[in-house]
Amino acid sequence: MPTTDTAWPRAREVARRAGTRPAPPAEELPLAAALGRTLAGPLTALTDLPAFDTAAMDGWAVAGPGPWRLAGQVLAGRTPPPLADGWATGIATGAQLPPGATGVLRREHGELREGTLRAPAGVGPGQDVRPRGQECRSGEQLLPAGSVVGAAVLGLAAACGYDRLAVRRRPTVELLVLGDELLESGLPGPGLVRDALGPLLQPWLTAAGAEVLGRRPVRDDFGLLRDALLRSTAEVVVTTGATAAGPVDHLHGALAECGARLLVDGVAVRPGHPMLLAELPPATATPGGAVRHLVGLPGNPLAAVAGTVTLALPLLDALAGRPAAPARYARIAVDLPGHPVQSRLLPVRLTEDGPLPLAFDGPAMLRGLALAEALAVIPPGGLSAGTRIELLPVPGQPH
């Protein structure tokens, strides 16, 4: 068991390495069902794109230098007949260019008089034509394995002729919300507070590529927590609260009784330093199954968000087969003080002058986070104005 807090960059590396595993079998899904999944292999073009020379503008397909006589019209979805030199035919954007056509004359640039079409500025070879294979050639790799399937990826796949995509299975997650003081509805009362982390974390983990099997409260009872950890069949169990050493903080004891192995026990970061990452044995419901992981988040909301970006998201990225996202940086316009020996995660808004801190950034607060456009990573000792600073996504943003 670690005896000191793990440095923040190191903790993220440990979490990602913990999720590295042999790739499970891919599953093929219809395009719409693949949204949010991870590509199991490279996305390769099944055809040239475009598959034929097409008009880039409404107007006329022309053959030769002109002037031209008119012959019919080409609409999208039709195969046009050849076009002889000195002839033109009306054409719509996206329609297939007739064989023999040398360019497209935009409608606003043509002059039509007594059945003869003229172009005062001329029409150069290939003008306003999207040539076959301009975007890609059949067999060309378009996206690497591990790419997240977003809406644009679905559009690209459809354009290239895909009906189904081979994707990685989502890692499964169960969210356990710990504490006797938490309410799931209504107004807070004496000694009671609303659970803010369940509504925050469940959609965030889903957006990060996880299949959230459920979210359930667990009372401040050692046996209930131990049994919940032993029986959960999720690949990743995420808990909120009970990571410190208070009178009802049973997580460490429950992990020890379950035979868990702590990988990270405290991180040198504010807020959120009592976060932890553990390796769980197979669930009692599936003896002989795979090793599972637990991410223990502090109970304070902003501290739990810090734990999520530090441990949960790198772990889930690795389990889903996603490469680490490239770091994003910006230059700060003002000095940002830091903790003497720990990193600091600070909600900021992004301005033309650089990231600026927001108020209400205490570990128990969410108001600043709700207004934030990023989390700024302040290393120990702080940063002076003009220095580059790393930016992390906040809930609701892609990471």
Protein backbone atom coordinates (compact mmCIF):
# COMPACT_ATOMS: atom_id res chain seq x y z
CA MET A 1 0.00 0.00 0.00
CA PRO A 2 1.37 3.46 -0.85
CA THR A 3 2.40 5.42 2.21
CA THR A 4 2.35 8.88 0.62
CA ASP A 5 0.09 10.63 -1.82
CA THR A 6 0.84 9.85 -5.46
CA ALA A 7 1.86 12.79 -7.65
CA TRP A 8 -1.06 13.89 -9.83
CA PRO A 9 0.53 13.11 -13.24
CA ARG A 10 1.69 9.74 -11.95
CA ALA A 11 -1.79 8.87 -10.65
CA ARG A 12 -3.26 9.40 -14.10
CA GLU A 13 -0.61 7.14 -15.64
CA VAL A 14 -1.33 4.40 -13.08
CA ALA A 15 -5.07 4.60 -13.82
CA ARG A 16 -4.54 4.31 -17.54
CA ARG A 17 -2.11 1.42 -17.18
CA ALA A 18 -4.59 -0.39 -14.92
CA GLY A 19 -7.14 -0.36 -17.74
CA THR A 20 -4.78 -1.69 -20.39
CA ARG A 21 -5.89 -5.18 -21.39
CA PRO A 22 -6.01 -7.44 -24.44
CA ALA A 23 -8.69 -6.21 -26.80
CA PRO A 24 -11.96 -8.12 -26.35
CA PRO A 25 -13.77 -9.43 -29.43
CA ALA A 26 -15.30 -6.68 -31.51
CA GLU A 27 -19.03 -6.47 -32.05
CA GLU A 28 -20.64 -5.22 -35.23
CA LEU A 29 -23.48 -2.78 -34.73
CA PRO A 30 -25.77 -0.81 -37.06
CA LEU A 31 -24.49 2.72 -37.53
CA ALA A 32 -26.96 4.39 -35.18
CA ALA A 33 -26.22 1.88 -32.40
CA ALA A 34 -22.47 2.51 -32.72
CA LEU A 35 -22.72 6.14 -31.60
CA GLY A 36 -20.37 6.80 -28.68
CA ARG A 37 -18.52 3.50 -29.10
CA THR A 38 -14.84 3.08 -29.99
CA LEU A 39 -13.68 1.72 -33.35
CA ALA A 40 -12.26 -1.78 -32.91
CA GLY A 41 -10.15 -1.42 -36.05
CA PRO A 42 -9.28 1.25 -38.61
CA LEU A 43 -12.13 2.73 -40.65
CA THR A 44 -11.18 2.02 -44.26
CA ALA A 45 -12.91 3.49 -47.31
CA LEU A 46 -15.05 0.92 -49.13
CA THR A 47 -15.21 3.11 -52.23
CA ASP A 48 -13.74 6.21 -53.79
CA LEU A 49 -15.32 9.34 -52.33
CA PRO A 50 -16.89 10.79 -54.33
CA ALA A 51 -17.46 7.61 -56.32
CA PHE A 52 -17.65 9.56 -59.58
CA ASP A 53 -16.93 13.07 -60.87
CA THR A 54 -19.69 15.35 -59.56
CA ALA A 55 -20.82 18.92 -60.01
CA ALA A 56 -19.84 21.17 -57.12
CA MET A 57 -22.35 23.86 -58.13
CA ASP A 58 -25.70 24.24 -59.85
CA GLY A 59 -25.26 25.31 -63.44
CA TRP A 60 -24.22 23.61 -66.68
CA ALA A 61 -21.76 20.82 -67.42
CA VAL A 62 -19.83 21.96 -70.47
CA ALA A 63 -17.55 20.22 -72.97
CA GLY A 64 -14.82 22.27 -74.57
CA PRO A 65 -14.15 26.01 -74.51
CA GLY A 66 -17.60 27.20 -75.69
CA PRO A 67 -19.87 28.74 -76.65
CA TRP A 68 -22.14 25.72 -76.21
CA ARG A 69 -25.43 24.42 -77.44
CA LEU A 70 -27.81 23.07 -74.81
CA ALA A 71 -28.85 19.44 -74.50
CA GLY A 72 -31.18 18.48 -71.65
CA GLN A 73 -30.46 18.38 -67.94
CA VAL A 74 -28.69 16.08 -65.45
CA LEU A 75 -30.28 15.52 -62.07
CA ALA A 76 -28.74 13.90 -59.00
CA GLY A 77 -29.28 10.15 -58.97
CA ARG A 78 -29.26 9.80 -62.77
CA THR A 79 -26.53 8.38 -65.03
CA PRO A 80 -25.98 10.95 -67.78
CA PRO A 81 -25.18 10.22 -71.44
CA PRO A 82 -21.86 11.41 -72.89
CA LEU A 83 -21.48 15.08 -73.74
CA ALA A 84 -19.92 16.02 -77.09
CA ASP A 85 -17.52 18.93 -77.53
CA GLY A 86 -19.37 22.23 -77.93
CA TRP A 87 -22.41 21.07 -75.96
CA ALA A 88 -23.67 21.83 -72.44
CA THR A 89 -26.30 20.33 -70.21
CA GLY A 90 -27.97 21.67 -67.08
CA ILE A 91 -26.67 20.02 -63.93
CA ALA A 92 -27.50 20.07 -60.22
CA THR A 93 -25.03 20.10 -57.36
CA GLY A 94 -23.95 16.54 -56.58
CA ALA A 95 -25.06 15.13 -59.91
CA GLN A 96 -22.71 12.89 -61.87
CA LEU A 97 -20.69 14.72 -64.51
CA PRO A 98 -21.40 13.43 -68.03
CA PRO A 99 -18.50 11.65 -69.78
CA GLY A 100 -16.74 14.18 -71.98
CA ALA A 101 -17.58 17.20 -69.79
CA THR A 102 -14.58 19.40 -69.01
CA GLY A 103 -16.01 21.66 -66.29
CA VAL A 104 -19.07 23.22 -64.70
CA LEU A 105 -20.28 26.74 -65.43
CA ARG A 106 -22.08 28.21 -62.44
CA ARG A 107 -25.61 29.34 -63.17
CA GLU A 108 -24.88 32.91 -62.10
CA HIS A 109 -21.86 33.12 -64.40
CA GLY A 110 -23.53 31.92 -67.63
CA GLU A 111 -25.30 33.94 -70.33
CA LEU A 112 -28.03 32.15 -72.24
CA ARG A 113 -29.17 33.75 -75.52
CA GLU A 114 -31.28 32.12 -78.19
CA GLY A 115 -30.31 28.62 -77.14
CA THR A 116 -26.58 29.35 -76.92
CA LEU A 117 -24.68 29.37 -73.64
CA ARG A 118 -21.70 31.67 -73.15
CA ALA A 119 -19.26 32.25 -70.29
CA PRO A 120 -17.67 35.74 -70.37
CA ALA A 121 -14.95 34.61 -67.96
CA GLY A 122 -14.50 31.18 -69.54
CA VAL A 123 -14.56 27.75 -67.87
CA GLY A 124 -11.24 26.17 -67.01
CA PRO A 125 -10.65 22.40 -67.04
CA GLY A 126 -12.10 20.83 -63.89
CA GLN A 127 -13.73 24.07 -62.76
CA ASP A 128 -16.35 23.50 -60.02
CA VAL A 129 -15.96 19.73 -60.36
CA ARG A 130 -15.42 17.37 -57.44
CA PRO A 131 -13.25 14.71 -59.08
CA ARG A 132 -13.66 11.06 -58.23
CA GLY A 133 -11.59 10.14 -55.16
CA GLN A 134 -11.01 13.76 -54.14
CA GLU A 135 -11.72 12.94 -50.49
CA CYS A 136 -10.45 9.37 -50.36
CA ARG A 137 -9.67 6.30 -52.44
CA SER A 138 -11.05 2.83 -51.91
CA GLY A 139 -8.93 1.01 -49.32
CA GLU A 140 -7.54 4.20 -47.78
CA GLN A 141 -7.48 4.35 -43.97
CA LEU A 142 -9.73 7.18 -42.81
CA LEU A 143 -9.58 6.82 -39.02
CA PRO A 144 -7.41 4.70 -36.73
CA ALA A 145 -8.63 2.08 -34.30
CA GLY A 146 -9.59 3.65 -31.00
CA SER A 147 -11.39 6.62 -32.56
CA VAL A 148 -14.61 7.61 -30.82
CA VAL A 149 -17.65 7.16 -33.05
CA GLY A 150 -19.32 10.56 -33.06
CA ALA A 151 -21.99 11.89 -35.39
CA ALA A 152 -19.43 12.99 -37.99
CA VAL A 153 -17.84 9.52 -37.99
CA LEU A 154 -21.27 7.98 -38.63
CA GLY A 155 -21.77 10.35 -41.57
CA LEU A 156 -18.35 9.50 -43.01
CA ALA A 157 -18.95 5.78 -42.61
CA ALA A 158 -22.32 6.02 -44.33
CA ALA A 159 -20.86 8.06 -47.20
CA CYS A 160 -18.27 5.32 -47.72
CA GLY A 161 -20.88 2.57 -47.85
CA TYR A 162 -20.90 1.15 -44.33
CA ASP A 163 -24.11 -0.23 -42.84
CA ARG A 164 -22.46 -1.58 -39.68
CA LEU A 165 -19.29 -0.78 -37.73
CA ALA A 166 -16.96 -3.03 -35.72
CA VAL A 167 -16.66 -1.42 -32.30
CA ARG A 168 -15.28 -2.21 -28.85
CA ARG A 169 -17.62 -3.25 -26.08
CA ARG A 170 -18.32 -0.56 -23.50
CA PRO A 171 -16.68 -1.10 -20.09
CA THR A 172 -19.37 -1.61 -17.47
CA VAL A 173 -19.64 0.66 -14.43
CA GLU A 174 -21.71 0.56 -11.25
CA LEU A 175 -22.03 3.77 -9.26
CA LEU A 176 -22.36 3.39 -5.48
CA VAL A 177 -23.36 6.56 -3.63
CA LEU A 178 -22.31 6.21 0.01
CA GLY A 179 -23.81 8.00 2.99
CA ASP A 180 -26.77 8.13 5.38
CA GLU A 181 -27.15 11.87 4.91
CA LEU A 182 -28.01 11.81 1.19
CA LEU A 183 -31.46 12.51 -0.22
CA GLU A 184 -32.48 11.49 -3.73
CA SER A 185 -35.29 14.04 -4.00
CA GLY A 186 -36.75 17.07 -2.31
CA LEU A 187 -35.18 19.87 -0.36
CA PRO A 188 -32.23 19.40 1.99
CA GLY A 189 -33.16 19.32 5.68
CA PRO A 190 -31.40 19.34 9.06
CA GLY A 191 -28.38 17.05 8.67
CA LEU A 192 -29.50 15.92 5.23
CA VAL A 193 -28.22 17.00 1.82
CA ARG A 194 -29.17 16.18 -1.76
CA ASP A 195 -27.05 13.71 -3.67
CA ALA A 196 -25.46 15.90 -6.34
CA LEU A 197 -22.90 13.35 -7.52
CA GLY A 198 -25.28 10.69 -8.80
CA PRO A 199 -26.95 13.05 -11.30
CA LEU A 200 -23.56 14.52 -12.23
CA LEU A 201 -21.51 11.35 -12.62
CA GLN A 202 -23.91 8.96 -14.32
CA PRO A 203 -24.27 10.90 -17.60
CA TRP A 204 -20.60 11.93 -17.50
CA LEU A 205 -19.42 8.32 -17.24
CA THR A 206 -21.81 7.32 -20.02
CA ALA A 207 -20.43 10.07 -22.25
CA ALA A 208 -16.92 8.78 -21.43
CA GLY A 209 -17.79 5.47 -23.09
CA ALA A 210 -19.01 3.43 -20.13
CA GLU A 211 -22.15 1.37 -19.84
CA VAL A 212 -23.51 2.39 -16.45
CA LEU A 213 -25.30 -0.67 -15.08
CA GLY A 214 -26.89 1.26 -12.27
CA ARG A 215 -26.61 3.80 -9.52
CA ARG A 216 -27.61 2.90 -6.00
CA PRO A 217 -27.24 4.32 -2.51
CA VAL A 218 -25.35 2.41 0.16
CA ARG A 219 -25.79 3.33 3.81
CA ASP A 220 -22.88 3.98 6.16
CA ASP A 221 -22.61 0.33 7.14
CA PHE A 222 -19.41 -1.70 6.83
CA GLY A 223 -21.14 -4.97 5.94
CA LEU A 224 -23.42 -3.42 3.34
CA LEU A 225 -20.48 -1.74 1.63
CA ARG A 226 -18.32 -4.88 1.73
CA ASP A 227 -21.11 -6.97 0.23
CA ALA A 228 -21.83 -4.39 -2.46
CA LEU A 229 -18.18 -4.47 -3.53
CA LEU A 230 -18.01 -8.26 -3.53
CA ARG A 231 -21.21 -8.76 -5.50
CA SER A 232 -20.96 -6.05 -8.12
CA THR A 233 -20.43 -7.57 -11.57
CA ALA A 234 -19.31 -4.26 -13.12
CA GLU A 235 -15.79 -3.99 -14.48
CA VAL A 236 -15.42 -0.68 -12.65
CA VAL A 237 -17.10 0.21 -9.37
CA VAL A 238 -17.19 3.96 -8.69
CA THR A 239 -17.94 5.05 -5.13
CA THR A 240 -18.58 8.50 -3.74
CA GLY A 241 -17.50 9.36 -0.21
CA ALA A 242 -15.90 7.36 2.61
CA THR A 243 -12.36 7.65 1.20
CA ALA A 244 -10.89 9.45 4.23
CA ALA A 245 -10.54 8.25 7.85
CA GLY A 246 -13.74 9.50 9.48
CA PRO A 247 -15.87 7.44 11.89
CA VAL A 248 -18.10 6.10 9.09
CA ASP A 249 -15.51 6.05 6.29
CA HIS A 250 -15.54 2.29 5.79
CA LEU A 251 -14.12 2.07 2.28
CA HIS A 252 -10.53 1.19 3.17
CA GLY A 253 -11.63 -1.50 5.60
CA ALA A 254 -14.14 -2.96 3.16
CA LEU A 255 -11.50 -3.08 0.43
CA ALA A 256 -9.08 -4.88 2.76
CA GLU A 257 -11.68 -7.49 3.69
CA CYS A 258 -12.53 -8.02 0.01
CA GLY A 259 -8.88 -8.77 -0.77
CA ALA A 260 -8.46 -5.68 -2.91
CA ARG A 261 -5.08 -4.31 -3.89
CA LEU A 262 -4.63 -0.56 -3.63
CA LEU A 263 -2.94 0.98 -6.65
CA VAL A 264 -3.38 4.63 -5.65
CA ASP A 265 -4.22 5.68 -2.09
CA GLY A 266 -4.32 9.46 -2.07
CA VAL A 267 -3.17 11.87 -4.75
CA ALA A 268 -1.16 15.06 -4.24
CA VAL A 269 -3.88 17.31 -5.66
CA ARG A 270 -6.37 19.86 -4.34
CA PRO A 271 -9.27 19.35 -4.22
CA GLY A 272 -9.72 15.60 -4.05
CA HIS A 273 -6.51 14.26 -2.51
CA PRO A 274 -8.17 11.32 -0.62
CA MET A 275 -9.23 9.66 -3.91
CA LEU A 276 -8.13 6.08 -4.49
CA LEU A 277 -7.86 3.35 -7.12
CA ALA A 278 -7.97 -0.34 -6.26
CA GLU A 279 -7.90 -3.69 -7.99
CA LEU A 280 -10.83 -5.86 -6.94
CA PRO A 281 -10.99 -9.65 -7.14
CA PRO A 282 -13.62 -11.22 -9.40
CA ALA A 283 -17.19 -10.76 -8.19
CA THR A 284 -18.63 -13.49 -5.98
CA ALA A 285 -21.47 -13.77 -8.51
CA THR A 286 -18.96 -14.65 -11.26
CA PRO A 287 -16.18 -16.74 -9.67
CA GLY A 288 -13.21 -17.15 -11.96
CA GLY A 289 -14.15 -13.95 -13.78
CA ALA A 290 -11.94 -11.04 -14.63
CA VAL A 291 -10.26 -8.70 -12.17
CA ARG A 292 -12.29 -5.54 -11.56
CA HIS A 293 -11.34 -2.03 -10.48
CA LEU A 294 -12.70 0.46 -7.99
CA VAL A 295 -12.37 4.22 -8.18
CA GLY A 296 -13.07 5.82 -4.82
CA LEU A 297 -14.10 9.45 -5.17
CA PRO A 298 -14.28 11.92 -2.28
CA GLY A 299 -17.76 12.92 -1.23
CA ASN A 300 -17.33 16.66 -1.81
CA PRO A 301 -18.64 17.48 -5.31
CA LEU A 302 -15.69 19.38 -6.81
CA ALA A 303 -13.28 16.95 -5.16
CA ALA A 304 -15.19 14.07 -6.78
CA VAL A 305 -14.91 15.79 -10.17
CA ALA A 306 -11.16 16.05 -9.62
CA GLY A 307 -11.08 12.33 -8.84
CA THR A 308 -13.04 11.54 -11.96
CA VAL A 309 -10.68 13.36 -14.32
CA THR A 310 -7.64 11.98 -12.49
CA LEU A 311 -8.54 8.30 -12.11
CA ALA A 312 -11.90 7.33 -13.62
CA LEU A 313 -11.60 8.83 -17.10
CA PRO A 314 -8.06 7.54 -17.86
CA LEU A 315 -9.12 4.08 -16.63
CA LEU A 316 -12.26 4.04 -18.78
CA ASP A 317 -10.39 5.33 -21.83
CA ALA A 318 -7.93 2.45 -21.56
CA LEU A 319 -10.67 -0.14 -20.99
CA ALA A 320 -12.55 1.19 -24.03
CA GLY A 321 -9.42 1.08 -26.19
CA ARG A 322 -9.25 4.83 -26.68
CA PRO A 323 -5.85 6.51 -26.99
CA ALA A 324 -4.99 9.18 -24.46
CA ALA A 325 -6.41 12.50 -25.57
CA PRO A 326 -3.74 15.04 -26.55
CA ALA A 327 -3.11 17.60 -23.85
CA ARG A 328 -4.66 21.04 -24.38
CA TYR A 329 -2.83 24.17 -23.29
CA ALA A 330 -3.37 27.92 -23.10
CA ARG A 331 -1.36 30.85 -21.81
CA ILE A 332 -2.62 32.49 -18.65
CA ALA A 333 -3.03 36.26 -18.36
CA VAL A 334 -2.77 36.43 -14.57
CA ASP A 335 -0.70 34.76 -11.88
CA LEU A 336 -2.32 31.57 -10.57
CA PRO A 337 -1.07 30.66 -7.09
CA GLY A 338 -0.71 26.99 -6.25
CA HIS A 339 -0.26 24.69 -3.29
CA PRO A 340 3.36 24.42 -2.11
CA VAL A 341 3.66 20.66 -2.76
CA GLN A 342 0.43 19.56 -4.45
CA SER A 343 -1.16 20.15 -7.84
CA ARG A 344 -4.37 22.17 -7.98
CA LEU A 345 -7.37 21.78 -10.28
CA LEU A 346 -9.17 25.08 -10.77
CA PRO A 347 -12.41 25.80 -12.66
CA VAL A 348 -11.75 28.52 -15.24
CA ARG A 349 -13.51 30.35 -18.02
CA LEU A 350 -11.72 30.85 -21.32
CA THR A 351 -11.23 34.40 -22.56
CA GLU A 352 -9.23 36.07 -25.33
CA ASP A 353 -6.63 36.94 -22.71
CA GLY A 354 -6.40 33.36 -21.45
CA PRO A 355 -8.01 31.19 -18.75
CA LEU A 356 -9.38 33.13 -15.79
CA PRO A 357 -10.34 31.58 -12.43
CA LEU A 358 -13.93 31.46 -11.25
CA ALA A 359 -15.29 32.04 -7.79
CA PHE A 360 -16.97 29.28 -5.77
CA ASP A 361 -14.12 26.83 -6.30
CA GLY A 362 -14.18 25.15 -2.89
CA PRO A 363 -14.14 21.33 -2.75
CA ALA A 364 -17.81 21.19 -1.68
CA MET A 365 -18.99 23.63 -4.35
CA LEU A 366 -20.43 23.12 -7.83
CA ARG A 367 -21.42 26.67 -8.73
CA GLY A 368 -18.03 27.54 -10.20
CA LEU A 369 -17.89 24.24 -12.07
CA ALA A 370 -21.31 24.89 -13.62
CA LEU A 371 -19.91 28.08 -15.17
CA ALA A 372 -16.51 26.60 -16.03
CA GLU A 373 -15.27 25.90 -19.54
CA ALA A 374 -12.25 23.90 -18.36
CA LEU A 375 -10.28 22.76 -15.34
CA ALA A 376 -6.85 24.35 -15.19
CA VAL A 377 -4.00 22.20 -13.86
CA ILE A 378 -1.80 24.29 -11.60
CA PRO A 379 1.42 22.49 -10.64
CA PRO A 380 2.93 22.79 -7.16
CA GLY A 381 4.10 26.33 -6.49
CA GLY A 382 1.72 27.98 -8.96
CA LEU A 383 2.27 29.68 -12.31
CA SER A 384 3.03 33.23 -13.33
CA ALA A 385 1.23 35.21 -16.04
CA GLY A 386 2.26 34.28 -19.58
CA THR A 387 2.94 30.63 -18.70
CA ARG A 388 1.27 27.76 -20.56
CA ILE A 389 -1.22 25.82 -18.49
CA GLU A 390 -2.85 22.44 -19.14
CA LEU A 391 -6.65 22.42 -19.50
CA LEU A 392 -8.93 19.48 -18.76
CA PRO A 393 -12.57 19.12 -19.86
CA VAL A 394 -15.38 19.64 -17.40
CA PRO A 395 -18.52 17.48 -17.19
CA GLY A 396 -20.51 17.70 -20.41
CA GLN A 397 -17.46 18.29 -22.61
CA PRO A 398 -15.59 15.65 -24.62
CA HIS A 399 -12.32 14.58 -23.04
